[in-house]
Amino acid sequence: MEGLNPEILKEICILKMPFGKYEGTVLADLPVSYLEWFNRNGMPKGKLGMQLATIYEIKINGLMELLIPIRASLR
């Protein structure tokens, strides 16, 4: 994922969804179906939208292993 800011990966492993059905769920733990809904209907504006789009791309491309060392370092 060339050009991806490592800080974004850290944020999606820490930050929680601020609203909706999965309010309080860490962004990296959101189900793909929920992220697909946002992808079809429009991501939120601003940084949250970028973070959701990032985790969506990670999940649909089978790249969750990228987050394993980040999550381990946060424990």
N, C-alpha and C. Protein backbone atom coordinates (compact mmCIF):
# COMPACT_ATOMS: atom_id res chain seq x y z
N MET A 1 0.85 -1.17 0.00
CA MET A 1 0.00 0.00 0.00
C MET A 1 0.90 1.24 0.00
N GLU A 2 1.46 1.46 -1.13
CA GLU A 2 2.40 2.55 -1.33
C GLU A 2 1.78 3.90 -1.00
N GLY A 3 2.54 4.69 -0.27
CA GLY A 3 2.10 6.03 0.05
C GLY A 3 1.13 6.12 1.22
N LEU A 4 0.82 5.00 1.85
CA LEU A 4 -0.13 5.01 2.96
C LEU A 4 0.58 5.47 4.23
N ASN A 5 -0.01 6.42 4.90
CA ASN A 5 0.53 6.96 6.13
C ASN A 5 0.35 5.92 7.25
N PRO A 6 1.45 5.48 7.88
CA PRO A 6 1.33 4.47 8.95
C PRO A 6 0.46 4.95 10.12
N GLU A 7 0.39 6.26 10.30
CA GLU A 7 -0.43 6.81 11.38
C GLU A 7 -1.91 6.49 11.14
N ILE A 8 -2.33 6.45 9.89
CA ILE A 8 -3.72 6.11 9.56
C ILE A 8 -4.02 4.68 10.00
N LEU A 9 -3.08 3.77 9.76
CA LEU A 9 -3.28 2.37 10.17
C LEU A 9 -3.40 2.28 11.69
N LYS A 10 -2.59 3.04 12.40
CA LYS A 10 -2.67 3.05 13.86
C LYS A 10 -4.03 3.59 14.32
N GLU A 11 -4.47 4.67 13.68
CA GLU A 11 -5.75 5.28 14.06
C GLU A 11 -6.92 4.31 13.88
N ILE A 12 -6.94 3.56 12.76
CA ILE A 12 -8.08 2.67 12.54
C ILE A 12 -8.07 1.47 13.48
N CYS A 13 -6.94 1.26 14.16
CA CYS A 13 -6.85 0.19 15.16
C CYS A 13 -7.23 0.68 16.55
N ILE A 14 -7.39 1.99 16.71
CA ILE A 14 -7.68 2.59 18.01
C ILE A 14 -9.07 3.23 18.06
N LEU A 15 -9.36 4.03 17.03
CA LEU A 15 -10.58 4.84 17.04
C LEU A 15 -11.83 3.98 16.92
N LYS A 16 -12.88 4.46 17.55
CA LYS A 16 -14.16 3.74 17.54
C LYS A 16 -15.18 4.49 16.69
N MET A 17 -16.07 3.73 16.10
CA MET A 17 -17.14 4.30 15.29
C MET A 17 -17.98 5.21 16.18
N PRO A 18 -18.13 6.49 15.78
CA PRO A 18 -18.81 7.44 16.65
C PRO A 18 -20.33 7.44 16.58
N PHE A 19 -20.92 6.69 15.64
CA PHE A 19 -22.37 6.72 15.49
C PHE A 19 -22.85 5.44 14.79
N GLY A 20 -24.15 5.28 14.74
CA GLY A 20 -24.75 4.20 13.95
C GLY A 20 -24.84 2.87 14.66
N LYS A 21 -25.17 1.87 13.88
CA LYS A 21 -25.40 0.51 14.37
C LYS A 21 -24.20 -0.04 15.14
N TYR A 22 -23.00 0.32 14.70
CA TYR A 22 -21.78 -0.20 15.32
C TYR A 22 -21.04 0.87 16.13
N GLU A 23 -21.79 1.81 16.69
CA GLU A 23 -21.20 2.84 17.53
C GLU A 23 -20.39 2.18 18.66
N GLY A 24 -19.16 2.66 18.84
CA GLY A 24 -18.30 2.12 19.89
C GLY A 24 -17.40 0.99 19.43
N THR A 25 -17.57 0.51 18.20
CA THR A 25 -16.74 -0.56 17.65
C THR A 25 -15.48 0.04 17.05
N VAL A 26 -14.33 -0.56 17.34
CA VAL A 26 -13.07 -0.10 16.74
C VAL A 26 -13.22 -0.20 15.22
N LEU A 27 -12.75 0.82 14.51
CA LEU A 27 -12.93 0.87 13.05
C LEU A 27 -12.41 -0.40 12.36
N ALA A 28 -11.28 -0.92 12.81
CA ALA A 28 -10.72 -2.12 12.20
C ALA A 28 -11.59 -3.36 12.41
N ASP A 29 -12.51 -3.29 13.38
CA ASP A 29 -13.37 -4.43 13.69
C ASP A 29 -14.76 -4.34 13.05
N LEU A 30 -14.99 -3.28 12.29
CA LEU A 30 -16.30 -3.14 11.63
C LEU A 30 -16.47 -4.24 10.60
N PRO A 31 -17.67 -4.79 10.49
CA PRO A 31 -17.89 -5.84 9.49
C PRO A 31 -17.84 -5.29 8.07
N VAL A 32 -17.39 -6.14 7.17
CA VAL A 32 -17.28 -5.74 5.76
C VAL A 32 -18.64 -5.28 5.22
N SER A 33 -19.71 -5.94 5.63
CA SER A 33 -21.03 -5.57 5.12
C SER A 33 -21.38 -4.12 5.46
N TYR A 34 -20.99 -3.67 6.63
CA TYR A 34 -21.23 -2.28 7.05
C TYR A 34 -20.39 -1.33 6.20
N LEU A 35 -19.14 -1.69 5.97
CA LEU A 35 -18.25 -0.87 5.14
C LEU A 35 -18.72 -0.85 3.69
N GLU A 36 -19.26 -1.96 3.21
CA GLU A 36 -19.81 -2.01 1.85
C GLU A 36 -21.01 -1.07 1.73
N TRP A 37 -21.82 -1.00 2.77
CA TRP A 37 -22.97 -0.10 2.75
C TRP A 37 -22.49 1.34 2.59
N PHE A 38 -21.48 1.73 3.37
CA PHE A 38 -20.93 3.08 3.24
C PHE A 38 -20.34 3.29 1.85
N ASN A 39 -19.67 2.28 1.33
CA ASN A 39 -19.07 2.41 0.00
C ASN A 39 -20.14 2.66 -1.06
N ARG A 40 -21.27 1.99 -0.94
CA ARG A 40 -22.37 2.17 -1.90
C ARG A 40 -23.10 3.50 -1.71
N ASN A 41 -23.28 3.90 -0.47
CA ASN A 41 -24.12 5.06 -0.16
C ASN A 41 -23.35 6.35 0.12
N GLY A 42 -22.04 6.24 0.17
CA GLY A 42 -21.21 7.41 0.43
C GLY A 42 -20.59 7.38 1.80
N MET A 43 -19.29 7.49 1.81
CA MET A 43 -18.55 7.55 3.08
C MET A 43 -18.81 8.89 3.74
N PRO A 44 -18.73 8.94 5.07
CA PRO A 44 -18.85 10.23 5.75
C PRO A 44 -17.78 11.19 5.24
N LYS A 45 -18.02 12.45 5.38
CA LYS A 45 -17.05 13.46 4.96
C LYS A 45 -15.89 13.51 5.95
N GLY A 46 -14.78 14.01 5.49
CA GLY A 46 -13.64 14.26 6.35
C GLY A 46 -12.80 13.04 6.67
N LYS A 47 -12.10 13.16 7.79
CA LYS A 47 -11.13 12.13 8.18
C LYS A 47 -11.78 10.78 8.44
N LEU A 48 -12.95 10.77 9.06
CA LEU A 48 -13.63 9.49 9.32
C LEU A 48 -13.91 8.76 8.02
N GLY A 49 -14.36 9.46 7.02
CA GLY A 49 -14.63 8.84 5.72
C GLY A 49 -13.37 8.24 5.13
N MET A 50 -12.25 8.94 5.25
CA MET A 50 -10.98 8.42 4.74
C MET A 50 -10.55 7.19 5.53
N GLN A 51 -10.76 7.21 6.83
CA GLN A 51 -10.39 6.05 7.65
C GLN A 51 -11.27 4.84 7.31
N LEU A 52 -12.56 5.07 7.14
CA LEU A 52 -13.46 3.96 6.77
C LEU A 52 -13.13 3.43 5.38
N ALA A 53 -12.81 4.31 4.45
CA ALA A 53 -12.43 3.87 3.10
C ALA A 53 -11.14 3.05 3.16
N THR A 54 -10.23 3.43 4.03
CA THR A 54 -8.97 2.69 4.17
C THR A 54 -9.21 1.29 4.71
N ILE A 55 -9.99 1.17 5.78
CA ILE A 55 -10.23 -0.16 6.34
C ILE A 55 -11.07 -1.01 5.38
N TYR A 56 -11.94 -0.38 4.63
CA TYR A 56 -12.71 -1.09 3.60
C TYR A 56 -11.76 -1.71 2.57
N GLU A 57 -10.83 -0.92 2.06
CA GLU A 57 -9.87 -1.42 1.07
C GLU A 57 -9.00 -2.53 1.65
N ILE A 58 -8.58 -2.36 2.89
CA ILE A 58 -7.77 -3.39 3.55
C ILE A 58 -8.55 -4.70 3.63
N LYS A 59 -9.80 -4.61 4.06
CA LYS A 59 -10.60 -5.83 4.23
C LYS A 59 -10.95 -6.50 2.91
N ILE A 60 -11.38 -5.73 1.91
CA ILE A 60 -11.79 -6.39 0.66
C ILE A 60 -10.61 -6.95 -0.12
N ASN A 61 -9.41 -6.47 0.18
CA ASN A 61 -8.22 -6.96 -0.50
C ASN A 61 -7.45 -7.99 0.33
N GLY A 62 -8.05 -8.43 1.45
CA GLY A 62 -7.44 -9.48 2.26
C GLY A 62 -6.12 -9.06 2.91
N LEU A 63 -6.03 -7.81 3.35
CA LEU A 63 -4.78 -7.30 3.88
C LEU A 63 -4.81 -7.05 5.39
N MET A 64 -5.72 -7.71 6.09
CA MET A 64 -5.82 -7.50 7.53
C MET A 64 -4.53 -7.85 8.27
N GLU A 65 -3.70 -8.71 7.70
CA GLU A 65 -2.44 -9.05 8.35
C GLU A 65 -1.53 -7.83 8.52
N LEU A 66 -1.75 -6.79 7.74
CA LEU A 66 -0.99 -5.55 7.91
C LEU A 66 -1.22 -4.93 9.29
N LEU A 67 -2.38 -5.19 9.86
CA LEU A 67 -2.73 -4.58 11.14
C LEU A 67 -2.27 -5.39 12.35
N ILE A 68 -1.86 -6.64 12.15
CA ILE A 68 -1.48 -7.51 13.27
C ILE A 68 -0.35 -6.90 14.11
N PRO A 69 0.78 -6.48 13.50
CA PRO A 69 1.84 -5.91 14.34
C PRO A 69 1.43 -4.58 14.99
N ILE A 70 0.61 -3.81 14.32
CA ILE A 70 0.15 -2.54 14.87
C ILE A 70 -0.72 -2.79 16.09
N ARG A 71 -1.65 -3.71 15.96
CA ARG A 71 -2.54 -4.02 17.07
C ARG A 71 -1.77 -4.62 18.24
N ALA A 72 -0.79 -5.45 17.95
CA ALA A 72 0.03 -6.05 19.00
C ALA A 72 0.81 -4.99 19.76
N SER A 73 1.28 -3.97 19.05
CA SER A 73 2.05 -2.91 19.71
C SER A 73 1.17 -2.00 20.58
N LEU A 74 -0.12 -2.03 20.35
CA LEU A 74 -1.04 -1.17 21.10
C LEU A 74 -1.53 -1.82 22.39
N ARG A 75 -1.24 -3.09 22.56
CA ARG A 75 -1.72 -3.80 23.75
C ARG A 75 -0.86 -3.52 24.95
